[in-house]
């Protein structure tokens, strides 16, 4: 169960952290540069409008973070579906940046308010 924002800040403070720690992403996922990302909160819901699977298992219901990434030698952007540790669960939605972002927002209701630019 997620902690409230106030409790989260108190716990992080006690551990010597900040809220910024929760709002970062790796610079690269599977060798692809992270362009922007979203860390899901309790309002984000999987819509079922699109399905991403890996080795026959649907990954959308296990996803808690997404990142729009691009391999340096490729023109297309990809949506990386990740868990709490930024472990890649699946990849999909190749195309231009706007199309991939729209695909993510179609897949995960209310994710649009959570996008952050990568550092």
Protein backbone atom coordinates (compact mmCIF):
# COMPACT_ATOMS: atom_id res chain seq x y z
CA UNK A 1 0.00 0.00 0.00
CA UNK A 2 1.47 3.41 -0.97
CA UNK A 3 2.20 5.92 1.75
CA UNK A 4 0.60 9.36 1.79
CA UNK A 5 2.78 12.23 0.56
CA UNK A 6 3.27 13.58 4.08
CA UNK A 7 4.25 10.18 5.49
CA UNK A 8 6.51 9.54 2.50
CA UNK A 9 8.39 12.80 3.13
CA UNK A 10 8.78 11.97 6.84
CA UNK A 11 10.10 8.48 6.08
CA UNK A 12 12.52 9.78 3.48
CA UNK A 13 13.70 12.51 5.81
CA UNK A 14 14.37 9.93 8.51
CA UNK A 15 16.38 7.91 5.99
CA UNK A 16 18.28 10.98 4.77
CA UNK A 17 16.50 11.12 1.41
CA UNK A 18 14.29 13.58 -0.42
CA UNK A 19 11.17 13.40 -2.57
CA UNK A 20 13.43 13.89 -5.59
CA UNK A 21 14.75 10.35 -5.03
CA UNK A 22 11.31 9.03 -5.98
CA UNK A 23 11.17 11.19 -9.08
CA UNK A 24 14.28 10.02 -10.90
CA UNK A 25 14.88 7.40 -13.51
CA UNK A 26 17.97 5.66 -14.78
CA UNK A 27 19.73 7.48 -17.60
CA UNK A 28 19.43 4.35 -19.78
CA UNK A 29 17.16 1.31 -19.85
CA UNK A 30 18.46 -1.68 -21.80
CA UNK A 31 20.90 0.65 -23.58
CA UNK A 32 18.18 3.10 -24.67
CA UNK A 33 18.31 6.73 -23.51
CA UNK A 34 15.43 7.68 -21.21
CA UNK A 35 13.72 10.81 -22.60
CA UNK A 36 10.83 11.08 -20.12
CA UNK A 37 9.21 8.86 -17.53
CA UNK A 38 6.27 8.46 -15.17
CA UNK A 39 6.16 6.84 -11.75
CA UNK A 40 2.60 5.64 -11.17
CA UNK A 41 0.60 6.77 -8.19
CA UNK A 42 -2.63 5.26 -6.93
CA UNK A 43 -4.72 7.12 -9.54
CA UNK A 44 -3.13 5.41 -12.57
CA UNK A 45 -5.14 2.48 -13.92
CA UNK A 46 -4.40 0.03 -16.69
CA UNK A 47 -7.16 0.49 -19.27
CA UNK A 48 -6.83 -2.76 -21.20
CA UNK A 49 -6.90 -0.73 -24.43
CA UNK A 50 -3.49 -2.09 -25.43
CA UNK A 51 -1.58 -5.15 -24.27
CA UNK A 52 2.17 -5.62 -23.95
CA UNK A 53 3.43 -9.11 -23.32
CA UNK A 54 6.82 -10.70 -22.85
CA UNK A 55 7.36 -14.42 -23.26
CA UNK A 56 3.60 -14.95 -23.26
CA UNK A 57 2.93 -13.02 -20.04
CA UNK A 58 1.04 -9.73 -19.99
CA UNK A 59 3.18 -7.08 -18.32
CA UNK A 60 0.76 -4.15 -18.08
CA UNK A 61 -0.80 -5.22 -14.78
CA UNK A 62 2.67 -5.44 -13.16
CA UNK A 63 3.89 -2.10 -14.50
CA UNK A 64 4.42 0.68 -11.96
CA UNK A 65 6.68 2.93 -14.04
CA UNK A 66 7.00 3.74 -17.72
CA UNK A 67 9.67 5.51 -19.72
CA UNK A 68 9.80 6.76 -23.28
CA UNK A 69 13.24 5.88 -24.58
CA UNK A 70 15.23 5.90 -27.79
CA UNK A 71 18.25 3.90 -28.87
CA UNK A 72 20.91 6.28 -30.18
CA UNK A 73 21.14 4.53 -33.56
CA UNK A 74 17.36 4.44 -34.09
CA UNK A 75 14.84 7.13 -35.02
CA UNK A 76 11.84 5.52 -33.28
CA UNK A 77 10.87 5.95 -29.67
CA UNK A 78 9.77 3.05 -27.47
CA UNK A 79 7.68 2.73 -24.33
CA UNK A 80 9.43 0.73 -21.63
CA UNK A 81 7.14 -0.86 -19.02
CA UNK A 82 9.01 -1.24 -15.70
CA UNK A 83 8.56 -2.36 -12.12
CA UNK A 84 9.42 -0.41 -8.94
CA UNK A 85 13.14 -1.12 -9.43
CA UNK A 86 13.15 0.05 -13.07
CA UNK A 87 13.49 -3.56 -14.24
CA UNK A 88 12.18 -3.67 -17.80
CA UNK A 89 9.10 -5.90 -18.03
CA UNK A 90 8.28 -5.23 -21.67
CA UNK A 91 8.73 -2.78 -24.53
CA UNK A 92 6.23 -1.55 -27.08
CA UNK A 93 4.74 1.36 -28.94
CA UNK A 94 7.46 2.23 -31.45
CA UNK A 95 7.01 5.40 -33.48
CA UNK A 96 7.50 9.13 -33.10
CA UNK A 97 7.60 10.64 -29.62
CA UNK A 98 4.04 12.01 -29.69
CA UNK A 99 2.56 8.72 -30.90
CA UNK A 100 4.35 6.71 -28.18
CA UNK A 101 3.27 9.15 -25.47
CA UNK A 102 -0.33 8.96 -26.72
CA UNK A 103 -0.13 5.14 -26.74
CA UNK A 104 1.06 5.19 -23.10
CA UNK A 105 -1.78 7.51 -22.12
CA UNK A 106 -4.27 5.23 -23.88
CA UNK A 107 -2.83 2.23 -22.00
CA UNK A 108 -2.56 3.81 -18.54
CA UNK A 109 -5.41 6.12 -17.54
CA UNK A 110 -4.25 9.32 -15.79
CA UNK A 111 -0.55 8.83 -16.55
CA UNK A 112 -0.50 12.10 -18.52
CA UNK A 113 -0.21 14.21 -15.34
CA UNK A 114 2.84 12.27 -14.14
CA UNK A 115 5.29 12.68 -17.03
CA UNK A 116 8.71 14.06 -16.06
CA UNK A 117 11.64 14.89 -18.29
CA UNK A 118 14.69 12.72 -17.67
CA UNK A 119 17.80 14.44 -16.40
